[in-house]
Amino acid sequence: MNQEHFRKLERMYLQANINTFVYDTTTIKISSKQAEIGLVISEKYFHALGAIHGSVYFKLLDDAAFFAVSSVVEDVFVLTTSFNLNIIRPANKGLIKAIGEIRFQSENLFVAQSKLVNEEGKEIAFGTGNFTKSKITLSEQIGYKI
């Protein structure tokens, strides 16, 4: 396992504008073929019915699956080509965690799944995505650095 690669990916995630501006309470832990992202729920993520909006579910699930795949791709940036989301129940308080893992990999195609759980460990959503390698080299210019 390349711990330096995992730490660079974690830093890239935490430094991304979307995560510093909108999702300011996220955490990430990357290991080989897995990633876990945590978010403390805030009312700023709510829709009119007082629970987190589906876009938050999507972002967390896609990010967890994306970084699970990125954990095994050490030369280029990975791209999401499709992602299917299934919401099971609403969430409106506490810490939620998205846990992603690789289900299949070939030279240029990766399939990863992720699940979103609440503080009680109940699954609140899950998703599956397809990912591919881009032609964009992992570099300091895109935040890939210690």
Protein backbone atom coordinates (compact mmCIF):
# COMPACT_ATOMS: atom_id res chain seq x y z
CA MET A 1 0.00 0.00 0.00
CA ASN A 2 1.24 3.46 -0.89
CA GLN A 3 0.42 5.57 2.17
CA GLU A 4 1.87 8.72 0.59
CA HIS A 5 -0.48 8.32 -2.39
CA PHE A 6 -3.45 7.96 -0.02
CA ARG A 7 -2.46 11.08 1.98
CA LYS A 8 -2.02 13.12 -1.23
CA LEU A 9 -5.49 12.06 -2.40
CA GLU A 10 -6.97 12.96 1.00
CA ARG A 11 -5.37 16.39 0.86
CA MET A 12 -6.58 16.92 -2.72
CA TYR A 13 -10.13 16.09 -1.59
CA LEU A 14 -10.10 18.28 1.52
CA GLN A 15 -8.57 21.25 -0.37
CA ALA A 16 -11.09 21.18 -3.25
CA ASN A 17 -13.17 24.34 -3.44
CA ILE A 18 -16.48 22.49 -3.07
CA ASN A 19 -15.29 20.92 0.18
CA THR A 20 -13.83 24.08 1.72
CA PHE A 21 -16.76 26.29 0.69
CA VAL A 22 -19.89 24.12 0.93
CA TYR A 23 -19.02 20.91 2.78
CA ASP A 24 -16.81 22.34 5.50
CA THR A 25 -17.20 19.46 7.95
CA THR A 26 -16.03 16.55 5.82
CA THR A 27 -13.40 13.98 6.71
CA ILE A 28 -11.77 11.37 4.49
CA LYS A 29 -9.73 8.22 5.04
CA ILE A 30 -8.34 6.35 2.04
CA SER A 31 -6.84 2.86 2.03
CA SER A 32 -6.26 0.27 -0.68
CA LYS A 33 -9.46 -0.12 -2.75
CA GLN A 34 -11.51 1.70 -0.09
CA ALA A 35 -12.44 5.19 1.01
CA GLU A 36 -14.56 6.54 3.85
CA ILE A 37 -15.97 10.06 3.90
CA GLY A 38 -17.75 11.58 6.88
CA LEU A 39 -20.04 14.59 7.07
CA VAL A 40 -21.67 16.24 10.07
CA ILE A 41 -25.20 17.11 8.95
CA SER A 42 -26.10 20.78 9.01
CA GLU A 43 -29.39 22.47 8.16
CA LYS A 44 -27.64 24.17 5.23
CA TYR A 45 -27.85 20.80 3.42
CA PHE A 46 -31.65 20.49 3.91
CA HIS A 47 -34.46 20.58 1.37
CA ALA A 48 -37.90 22.01 2.25
CA LEU A 49 -38.91 18.92 4.29
CA GLY A 50 -36.02 19.27 6.75
CA ALA A 51 -33.68 16.49 5.65
CA ILE A 52 -30.53 16.46 3.53
CA HIS A 53 -31.00 17.05 -0.19
CA GLY A 54 -30.36 14.21 -2.64
CA SER A 55 -27.40 16.09 -4.07
CA VAL A 56 -25.59 15.61 -0.75
CA TYR A 57 -26.26 11.86 -0.87
CA PHE A 58 -24.93 11.79 -4.43
CA LYS A 59 -21.78 13.77 -3.66
CA LEU A 60 -20.78 11.64 -0.68
CA LEU A 61 -21.48 8.32 -2.41
CA ASP A 62 -19.77 9.33 -5.66
CA ASP A 63 -16.76 10.73 -3.79
CA ALA A 64 -16.33 7.57 -1.68
CA ALA A 65 -16.50 5.31 -4.74
CA PHE A 66 -14.27 7.69 -6.74
CA PHE A 67 -11.53 7.71 -4.11
CA ALA A 68 -11.72 3.94 -3.63
CA VAL A 69 -10.85 3.70 -7.34
CA SER A 70 -8.29 6.50 -7.11
CA SER A 71 -6.50 4.56 -4.39
CA VAL A 72 -5.28 2.06 -7.02
CA VAL A 73 -4.58 4.58 -9.83
CA GLU A 74 -1.34 6.35 -8.98
CA ASP A 75 -0.51 8.17 -12.21
CA VAL A 76 -3.63 9.94 -13.54
CA PHE A 77 -6.88 11.50 -12.36
CA VAL A 78 -9.95 9.25 -12.43
CA LEU A 79 -13.29 10.29 -13.95
CA THR A 80 -16.81 9.20 -13.05
CA THR A 81 -18.58 8.05 -16.23
CA SER A 82 -21.87 7.04 -14.59
CA PHE A 83 -23.31 6.73 -11.10
CA ASN A 84 -26.58 5.24 -9.93
CA LEU A 85 -28.00 6.39 -6.59
CA ASN A 86 -30.60 4.75 -4.35
CA ILE A 87 -31.96 6.68 -1.35
CA ILE A 88 -33.47 4.49 1.35
CA ARG A 89 -34.32 6.88 4.17
CA PRO A 90 -33.92 10.54 5.09
CA ALA A 91 -31.23 11.90 7.39
CA ASN A 92 -31.38 15.18 9.28
CA LYS A 93 -28.89 15.02 12.17
CA GLY A 94 -25.60 13.61 13.29
CA LEU A 95 -22.63 12.21 11.45
CA ILE A 96 -23.09 10.25 8.24
CA LYS A 97 -20.40 8.18 6.54
CA ALA A 98 -20.02 7.11 2.93
CA ILE A 99 -17.95 3.96 2.52
CA GLY A 100 -16.72 3.11 -0.98
CA GLU A 101 -15.03 0.02 -2.36
CA ILE A 102 -13.94 -1.33 -5.71
CA ARG A 103 -16.07 -4.18 -7.07
CA PHE A 104 -14.33 -4.67 -10.44
CA GLN A 105 -11.27 -3.35 -12.19
CA SER A 106 -9.64 -3.79 -15.57
CA GLU A 107 -7.04 -1.69 -17.35
CA ASN A 108 -9.33 1.31 -17.93
CA LEU A 109 -12.70 0.41 -16.40
CA PHE A 110 -13.48 0.37 -12.71
CA VAL A 111 -16.78 -0.37 -10.98
CA ALA A 112 -17.14 0.78 -7.39
CA GLN A 113 -19.99 0.80 -4.92
CA SER A 114 -20.60 2.88 -1.85
CA LYS A 115 -23.06 2.99 0.98
CA LEU A 116 -24.10 5.84 3.24
CA VAL A 117 -24.78 5.06 6.91
CA ASN A 118 -26.01 7.15 9.82
CA GLU A 119 -24.59 7.24 13.36
CA GLU A 120 -26.58 4.15 14.31
CA GLY A 121 -25.03 2.23 11.42
CA LYS A 122 -28.29 2.13 9.45
CA GLU A 123 -27.86 2.30 5.70
CA ILE A 124 -29.59 5.41 4.34
CA ALA A 125 -28.44 5.24 0.69
CA PHE A 126 -26.22 3.29 -1.67
CA GLY A 127 -24.83 3.67 -5.15
CA THR A 128 -22.76 2.09 -7.88
CA GLY A 129 -20.57 3.89 -10.38
CA ASN A 130 -18.34 3.35 -13.37
CA PHE A 131 -14.98 5.11 -13.51
CA THR A 132 -12.18 5.44 -16.03
CA LYS A 133 -8.68 6.85 -16.19
CA SER A 134 -8.29 10.34 -17.63
CA LYS A 135 -5.26 11.78 -19.43
CA ILE A 136 -4.71 14.29 -16.62
CA THR A 137 -1.55 13.51 -14.65
CA LEU A 138 -1.79 13.62 -10.86
CA SER A 139 0.26 16.69 -9.94
CA GLU A 140 0.62 19.51 -7.46
CA GLN A 141 -1.30 21.79 -9.85
CA ILE A 142 -4.49 19.86 -9.10
CA GLY A 143 -3.78 19.60 -5.36
CA TYR A 144 -2.09 16.20 -5.37
CA LYS A 145 0.63 16.98 -2.82
CA ILE A 146 1.63 16.44 0.80
